[in-house]
Amino acid sequence: MSTRDHLVTMANQIARNFAIRGEAAAAEATAEHVRLFWAPQMIVDVCLDDPGLVPIARAAFRLVRADAG
């Protein structure tokens, strides 16, 4: 498994843990987790077009990148 694949797996696990909150709240909670605990390079290494990202994780990374803007 590549580093990028591992990051996608971790992002999806985080997103699934928050999914019970509903999609929008889960995306924000996932984004907050990423902001707090992921190194900047880890964030950059996740491709928004990666077909392996679940929708909540994809939305979270959009939020994180919009903040970094």
PDB file of N, CA and C in Angstrom:
ATOM      1  N   MET A   1       0.847  -1.168   0.000  1.00  0.00           N
ATOM      2  CA  MET A   1       0.000   0.000   0.000  1.00  0.00           C
ATOM      3  C   MET A   1       0.902   1.243   0.000  1.00  0.00           C
ATOM      4  N   SER A   2       0.604   2.160  -0.892  1.00  0.00           N
ATOM      5  CA  SER A   2       1.391   3.385  -0.968  1.00  0.00           C
ATOM      6  C   SER A   2       1.010   4.332   0.169  1.00  0.00           C
ATOM      7  N   THR A   3       1.848   5.319   0.382  1.00  0.00           N
ATOM      8  CA  THR A   3       1.559   6.331   1.404  1.00  0.00           C
ATOM      9  C   THR A   3       0.242   7.025   1.104  1.00  0.00           C
ATOM     10  N   ARG A   4       0.036   7.364  -0.145  1.00  0.00           N
ATOM     11  CA  ARG A   4      -1.204   8.045  -0.543  1.00  0.00           C
ATOM     12  C   ARG A   4      -2.423   7.166  -0.254  1.00  0.00           C
ATOM     13  N   ASP A   5      -2.324   5.884  -0.581  1.00  0.00           N
ATOM     14  CA  ASP A   5      -3.424   4.952  -0.299  1.00  0.00           C
ATOM     15  C   ASP A   5      -3.690   4.867   1.200  1.00  0.00           C
ATOM     16  N   HIS A   6      -2.624   4.865   1.973  1.00  0.00           N
ATOM     17  CA  HIS A   6      -2.769   4.809   3.432  1.00  0.00           C
ATOM     18  C   HIS A   6      -3.473   6.065   3.956  1.00  0.00           C
ATOM     19  N   LEU A   7      -3.134   7.222   3.418  1.00  0.00           N
ATOM     20  CA  LEU A   7      -3.778   8.464   3.833  1.00  0.00           C
ATOM     21  C   LEU A   7      -5.263   8.460   3.483  1.00  0.00           C
ATOM     22  N   VAL A   8      -5.593   7.961   2.309  1.00  0.00           N
ATOM     23  CA  VAL A   8      -7.000   7.861   1.910  1.00  0.00           C
ATOM     24  C   VAL A   8      -7.742   6.924   2.851  1.00  0.00           C
ATOM     25  N   THR A   9      -7.131   5.810   3.193  1.00  0.00           N
ATOM     26  CA  THR A   9      -7.751   4.873   4.133  1.00  0.00           C
ATOM     27  C   THR A   9      -7.999   5.538   5.475  1.00  0.00           C
ATOM     28  N   MET A  10      -7.001   6.259   5.976  1.00  0.00           N
ATOM     29  CA  MET A  10      -7.168   6.953   7.262  1.00  0.00           C
ATOM     30  C   MET A  10      -8.267   8.012   7.175  1.00  0.00           C
ATOM     31  N   ALA A  11      -8.285   8.786   6.102  1.00  0.00           N
ATOM     32  CA  ALA A  11      -9.309   9.819   5.929  1.00  0.00           C
ATOM     33  C   ALA A  11     -10.705   9.203   5.912  1.00  0.00           C
ATOM     34  N   ASN A  12     -10.841   8.097   5.214  1.00  0.00           N
ATOM     35  CA  ASN A  12     -12.132   7.422   5.149  1.00  0.00           C
ATOM     36  C   ASN A  12     -12.561   6.885   6.512  1.00  0.00           C
ATOM     37  N   GLN A  13     -11.617   6.369   7.277  1.00  0.00           N
ATOM     38  CA  GLN A  13     -11.942   5.865   8.616  1.00  0.00           C
ATOM     39  C   GLN A  13     -12.432   6.997   9.514  1.00  0.00           C
ATOM     40  N   ILE A  14     -11.767   8.122   9.447  1.00  0.00           N
ATOM     41  CA  ILE A  14     -12.172   9.281  10.243  1.00  0.00           C
ATOM     42  C   ILE A  14     -13.577   9.716   9.821  1.00  0.00           C
ATOM     43  N   ALA A  15     -13.788   9.837   8.517  1.00  0.00           N
ATOM     44  CA  ALA A  15     -15.093  10.263   7.999  1.00  0.00           C
ATOM     45  C   ALA A  15     -16.197   9.299   8.416  1.00  0.00           C
ATOM     46  N   ARG A  16     -15.935   8.021   8.349  1.00  0.00           N
ATOM     47  CA  ARG A  16     -16.956   7.037   8.736  1.00  0.00           C
ATOM     48  C   ARG A  16     -17.272   7.124  10.224  1.00  0.00           C
ATOM     49  N   ASN A  17     -16.290   7.444  11.041  1.00  0.00           N
ATOM     50  CA  ASN A  17     -16.540   7.591  12.477  1.00  0.00           C
ATOM     51  C   ASN A  17     -17.473   8.760  12.776  1.00  0.00           C
ATOM     52  N   PHE A  18     -17.423   9.793  11.966  1.00  0.00           N
ATOM     53  CA  PHE A  18     -18.267  10.963  12.175  1.00  0.00           C
ATOM     54  C   PHE A  18     -19.568  10.905  11.379  1.00  0.00           C
ATOM     55  N   ALA A  19     -19.749   9.914  10.527  1.00  0.00           N
ATOM     56  CA  ALA A  19     -20.891   9.848   9.610  1.00  0.00           C
ATOM     57  C   ALA A  19     -22.237   9.891  10.324  1.00  0.00           C
ATOM     58  N   ILE A  20     -22.298   9.412  11.530  1.00  0.00           N
ATOM     59  CA  ILE A  20     -23.560   9.401  12.276  1.00  0.00           C
ATOM     60  C   ILE A  20     -24.107  10.805  12.489  1.00  0.00           C
ATOM     61  N   ARG A  21     -23.268  11.802  12.401  1.00  0.00           N
ATOM     62  CA  ARG A  21     -23.686  13.200  12.616  1.00  0.00           C
ATOM     63  C   ARG A  21     -24.427  13.786  11.425  1.00  0.00           C
ATOM     64  N   GLY A  22     -24.436  13.073  10.309  1.00  0.00           N
ATOM     65  CA  GLY A  22     -24.983  13.618   9.068  1.00  0.00           C
ATOM     66  C   GLY A  22     -23.843  14.133   8.217  1.00  0.00           C
ATOM     67  N   GLU A  23     -24.071  14.203   6.916  1.00  0.00           N
ATOM     68  CA  GLU A  23     -22.978  14.468   5.986  1.00  0.00           C
ATOM     69  C   GLU A  23     -22.258  15.801   6.227  1.00  0.00           C
ATOM     70  N   ALA A  24     -22.990  16.888   6.375  1.00  0.00           N
ATOM     71  CA  ALA A  24     -22.349  18.201   6.532  1.00  0.00           C
ATOM     72  C   ALA A  24     -21.563  18.283   7.839  1.00  0.00           C
ATOM     73  N   ALA A  25     -22.173  17.844   8.934  1.00  0.00           N
ATOM     74  CA  ALA A  25     -21.489  17.889  10.227  1.00  0.00           C
ATOM     75  C   ALA A  25     -20.310  16.931  10.253  1.00  0.00           C
ATOM     76  N   ALA A  26     -20.461  15.795   9.617  1.00  0.00           N
ATOM     77  CA  ALA A  26     -19.365  14.822   9.563  1.00  0.00           C
ATOM     78  C   ALA A  26     -18.198  15.364   8.752  1.00  0.00           C
ATOM     79  N   ALA A  27     -18.493  16.044   7.658  1.00  0.00           N
ATOM     80  CA  ALA A  27     -17.424  16.637   6.840  1.00  0.00           C
ATOM     81  C   ALA A  27     -16.672  17.692   7.647  1.00  0.00           C
ATOM     82  N   GLU A  28     -17.406  18.529   8.389  1.00  0.00           N
ATOM     83  CA  GLU A  28     -16.750  19.562   9.194  1.00  0.00           C
ATOM     84  C   GLU A  28     -15.924  18.941  10.319  1.00  0.00           C
ATOM     85  N   ALA A  29     -16.453  17.909  10.972  1.00  0.00           N
ATOM     86  CA  ALA A  29     -15.715  17.241  12.046  1.00  0.00           C
ATOM     87  C   ALA A  29     -14.466  16.555  11.508  1.00  0.00           C
ATOM     88  N   THR A  30     -14.590  15.939  10.342  1.00  0.00           N
ATOM     89  CA  THR A  30     -13.434  15.300   9.711  1.00  0.00           C
ATOM     90  C   THR A  30     -12.392  16.360   9.339  1.00  0.00           C
ATOM     91  N   ALA A  31     -12.848  17.462   8.784  1.00  0.00           N
ATOM     92  CA  ALA A  31     -11.936  18.550   8.418  1.00  0.00           C
ATOM     93  C   ALA A  31     -11.215  19.079   9.652  1.00  0.00           C
ATOM     94  N   GLU A  32     -11.940  19.242  10.744  1.00  0.00           N
ATOM     95  CA  GLU A  32     -11.320  19.739  11.978  1.00  0.00           C
ATOM     96  C   GLU A  32     -10.266  18.755  12.485  1.00  0.00           C
ATOM     97  N   HIS A  33     -10.570  17.477  12.427  1.00  0.00           N
ATOM     98  CA  HIS A  33      -9.600  16.461  12.839  1.00  0.00           C
ATOM     99  C   HIS A  33      -8.333  16.555  11.975  1.00  0.00           C
ATOM    100  N   VAL A  34      -8.521  16.687  10.685  1.00  0.00           N
ATOM    101  CA  VAL A  34      -7.375  16.781   9.766  1.00  0.00           C
ATOM    102  C   VAL A  34      -6.565  18.044  10.075  1.00  0.00           C
ATOM    103  N   ARG A  35      -7.239  19.155  10.274  1.00  0.00           N
ATOM    104  CA  ARG A  35      -6.534  20.410  10.599  1.00  0.00           C
ATOM    105  C   ARG A  35      -5.688  20.273  11.873  1.00  0.00           C
ATOM    106  N   LEU A  36      -6.232  19.587  12.857  1.00  0.00           N
ATOM    107  CA  LEU A  36      -5.556  19.476  14.150  1.00  0.00           C
ATOM    108  C   LEU A  36      -4.427  18.451  14.175  1.00  0.00           C
ATOM    109  N   PHE A  37      -4.604  17.347  13.470  1.00  0.00           N
ATOM    110  CA  PHE A  37      -3.703  16.220  13.678  1.00  0.00           C
ATOM    111  C   PHE A  37      -2.872  15.788  12.466  1.00  0.00           C
ATOM    112  N   TRP A  38      -3.156  16.308  11.302  1.00  0.00           N
ATOM    113  CA  TRP A  38      -2.392  15.906  10.125  1.00  0.00           C
ATOM    114  C   TRP A  38      -1.335  16.956   9.799  1.00  0.00           C
ATOM    115  N   ALA A  39      -0.181  16.479   9.389  1.00  0.00           N
ATOM    116  CA  ALA A  39       0.881  17.372   8.923  1.00  0.00           C
ATOM    117  C   ALA A  39       0.466  17.975   7.573  1.00  0.00           C
ATOM    118  N   PRO A  40       0.902  19.200   7.285  1.00  0.00           N
ATOM    119  CA  PRO A  40       0.532  19.833   6.013  1.00  0.00           C
ATOM    120  C   PRO A  40       0.827  18.961   4.787  1.00  0.00           C
ATOM    121  N   GLN A  41       1.944  18.264   4.793  1.00  0.00           N
ATOM    122  CA  GLN A  41       2.275  17.434   3.630  1.00  0.00           C
ATOM    123  C   GLN A  41       1.291  16.276   3.462  1.00  0.00           C
ATOM    124  N   MET A  42       0.783  15.761   4.554  1.00  0.00           N
ATOM    125  CA  MET A  42      -0.220  14.697   4.475  1.00  0.00           C
ATOM    126  C   MET A  42      -1.473  15.203   3.766  1.00  0.00           C
ATOM    127  N   ILE A  43      -1.865  16.424   4.086  1.00  0.00           N
ATOM    128  CA  ILE A  43      -3.054  17.025   3.464  1.00  0.00           C
ATOM    129  C   ILE A  43      -2.823  17.204   1.971  1.00  0.00           C
ATOM    130  N   VAL A  44      -1.666  17.703   1.614  1.00  0.00           N
ATOM    131  CA  VAL A  44      -1.331  17.918   0.205  1.00  0.00           C
ATOM    132  C   VAL A  44      -1.306  16.609  -0.566  1.00  0.00           C
ATOM    133  N   ASP A  45      -0.885  15.549   0.088  1.00  0.00           N
ATOM    134  CA  ASP A  45      -0.737  14.257  -0.592  1.00  0.00           C
ATOM    135  C   ASP A  45      -2.061  13.577  -0.926  1.00  0.00           C
ATOM    136  N   VAL A  46      -3.155  14.023  -0.324  1.00  0.00           N
ATOM    137  CA  VAL A  46      -4.460  13.428  -0.636  1.00  0.00           C
ATOM    138  C   VAL A  46      -5.044  14.150  -1.849  1.00  0.00           C
ATOM    139  N   CYS A  47      -5.329  13.389  -2.886  1.00  0.00           N
ATOM    140  CA  CYS A  47      -5.885  13.939  -4.119  1.00  0.00           C
ATOM    141  C   CYS A  47      -7.408  13.932  -4.025  1.00  0.00           C
ATOM    142  N   LEU A  48      -8.031  15.085  -4.239  1.00  0.00           N
ATOM    143  CA  LEU A  48      -9.489  15.171  -4.157  1.00  0.00           C
ATOM    144  C   LEU A  48     -10.183  14.298  -5.189  1.00  0.00           C
ATOM    145  N   ASP A  49      -9.501  13.987  -6.269  1.00  0.00           N
ATOM    146  CA  ASP A  49     -10.081  13.160  -7.320  1.00  0.00           C
ATOM    147  C   ASP A  49      -9.880  11.672  -7.080  1.00  0.00           C
ATOM    148  N   ASP A  50      -9.249  11.320  -5.978  1.00  0.00           N
ATOM    149  CA  ASP A  50      -8.993   9.908  -5.695  1.00  0.00           C
ATOM    150  C   ASP A  50     -10.328   9.168  -5.595  1.00  0.00           C
ATOM    151  N   PRO A  51     -10.526   8.160  -6.428  1.00  0.00           N
ATOM    152  CA  PRO A  51     -11.806   7.437  -6.405  1.00  0.00           C
ATOM    153  C   PRO A  51     -12.044   6.665  -5.112  1.00  0.00           C
ATOM    154  N   GLY A  52     -11.016   6.487  -4.303  1.00  0.00           N
ATOM    155  CA  GLY A  52     -11.168   5.765  -3.057  1.00  0.00           C
ATOM    156  C   GLY A  52     -11.725   6.589  -1.914  1.00  0.00           C
ATOM    157  N   LEU A  53     -11.729   7.918  -2.055  1.00  0.00           N
ATOM    158  CA  LEU A  53     -12.243   8.782  -0.989  1.00  0.00           C
ATOM    159  C   LEU A  53     -13.761   8.672  -0.904  1.00  0.00           C
ATOM    160  N   VAL A  54     -14.262   8.474   0.304  1.00  0.00           N
ATOM    161  CA  VAL A  54     -15.715   8.496   0.497  1.00  0.00           C
ATOM    162  C   VAL A  54     -16.179   9.951   0.428  1.00  0.00           C
ATOM    163  N   PRO A  55     -17.447  10.193   0.105  1.00  0.00           N
ATOM    164  CA  PRO A  55     -17.918  11.575  -0.076  1.00  0.00           C
ATOM    165  C   PRO A  55     -17.674  12.500   1.124  1.00  0.00           C
ATOM    166  N   ILE A  56     -17.834  12.003   2.333  1.00  0.00           N
ATOM    167  CA  ILE A  56     -17.601  12.859   3.507  1.00  0.00           C
ATOM    168  C   ILE A  56     -16.133  13.270   3.590  1.00  0.00           C
ATOM    169  N   ALA A  57     -15.237  12.350   3.337  1.00  0.00           N
ATOM    170  CA  ALA A  57     -13.804  12.672   3.363  1.00  0.00           C
ATOM    171  C   ALA A  57     -13.458  13.672   2.262  1.00  0.00           C
ATOM    172  N   ARG A  58     -14.028  13.476   1.076  1.00  0.00           N
ATOM    173  CA  ARG A  58     -13.768  14.409  -0.034  1.00  0.00           C
ATOM    174  C   ARG A  58     -14.249  15.812   0.349  1.00  0.00           C
ATOM    175  N   ALA A  59     -15.440  15.904   0.923  1.00  0.00           N
ATOM    176  CA  ALA A  59     -15.974  17.204   1.344  1.00  0.00           C
ATOM    177  C   ALA A  59     -15.093  17.825   2.426  1.00  0.00           C
ATOM    178  N   ALA A  60     -14.596  17.005   3.339  1.00  0.00           N
ATOM    179  CA  ALA A  60     -13.723  17.503   4.398  1.00  0.00           C
ATOM    180  C   ALA A  60     -12.444  18.112   3.821  1.00  0.00           C
ATOM    181  N   PHE A  61     -11.853  17.439   2.861  1.00  0.00           N
ATOM    182  CA  PHE A  61     -10.616  17.967   2.275  1.00  0.00           C
ATOM    183  C   PHE A  61     -10.874  19.222   1.467  1.00  0.00           C
ATOM    184  N   ARG A  62     -12.041  19.338   0.888  1.00  0.00           N
ATOM    185  CA  ARG A  62     -12.398  20.602   0.218  1.00  0.00           C
ATOM    186  C   ARG A  62     -12.455  21.729   1.242  1.00  0.00           C
ATOM    187  N   LEU A  63     -13.047  21.461   2.401  1.00  0.00           N
ATOM    188  CA  LEU A  63     -13.107  22.474   3.461  1.00  0.00           C
ATOM    189  C   LEU A  63     -11.710  22.853   3.952  1.00  0.00           C
ATOM    190  N   VAL A  64     -10.871  21.877   4.184  1.00  0.00           N
ATOM    191  CA  VAL A  64      -9.513  22.142   4.665  1.00  0.00           C
ATOM    192  C   VAL A  64      -8.746  22.970   3.653  1.00  0.00           C
ATOM    193  N   ARG A  65      -8.857  22.609   2.400  1.00  0.00           N
ATOM    194  CA  ARG A  65      -8.105  23.359   1.373  1.00  0.00           C
ATOM    195  C   ARG A  65      -8.680  24.745   1.164  1.00  0.00           C
ATOM    196  N   ALA A  66      -9.982  24.909   1.305  1.00  0.00           N
ATOM    197  CA  ALA A  66     -10.580  26.233   1.180  1.00  0.00           C
ATOM    198  C   ALA A  66     -10.079  27.150   2.295  1.00  0.00           C
ATOM    199  N   ASP A  67      -9.918  26.596   3.482  1.00  0.00           N
ATOM    200  CA  ASP A  67      -9.392  27.373   4.619  1.00  0.00           C
ATOM    201  C   ASP A  67      -7.940  27.773   4.388  1.00  0.00           C
ATOM    202  N   ALA A  68      -7.176  26.880   3.764  1.00  0.00           N
ATOM    203  CA  ALA A  68      -5.757  27.135   3.540  1.00  0.00           C
ATOM    204  C   ALA A  68      -5.550  28.124   2.400  1.00  0.00           C
ATOM    205  N   GLY A  69      -6.547  28.232   1.544  1.00  0.00           N
ATOM    206  CA  GLY A  69      -6.646  29.021   0.377  1.00  0.00           C
ATOM    207  C   GLY A  69      -5.705  29.915  -0.113  1.00  0.00           C
TER     208      GLY A  69
END
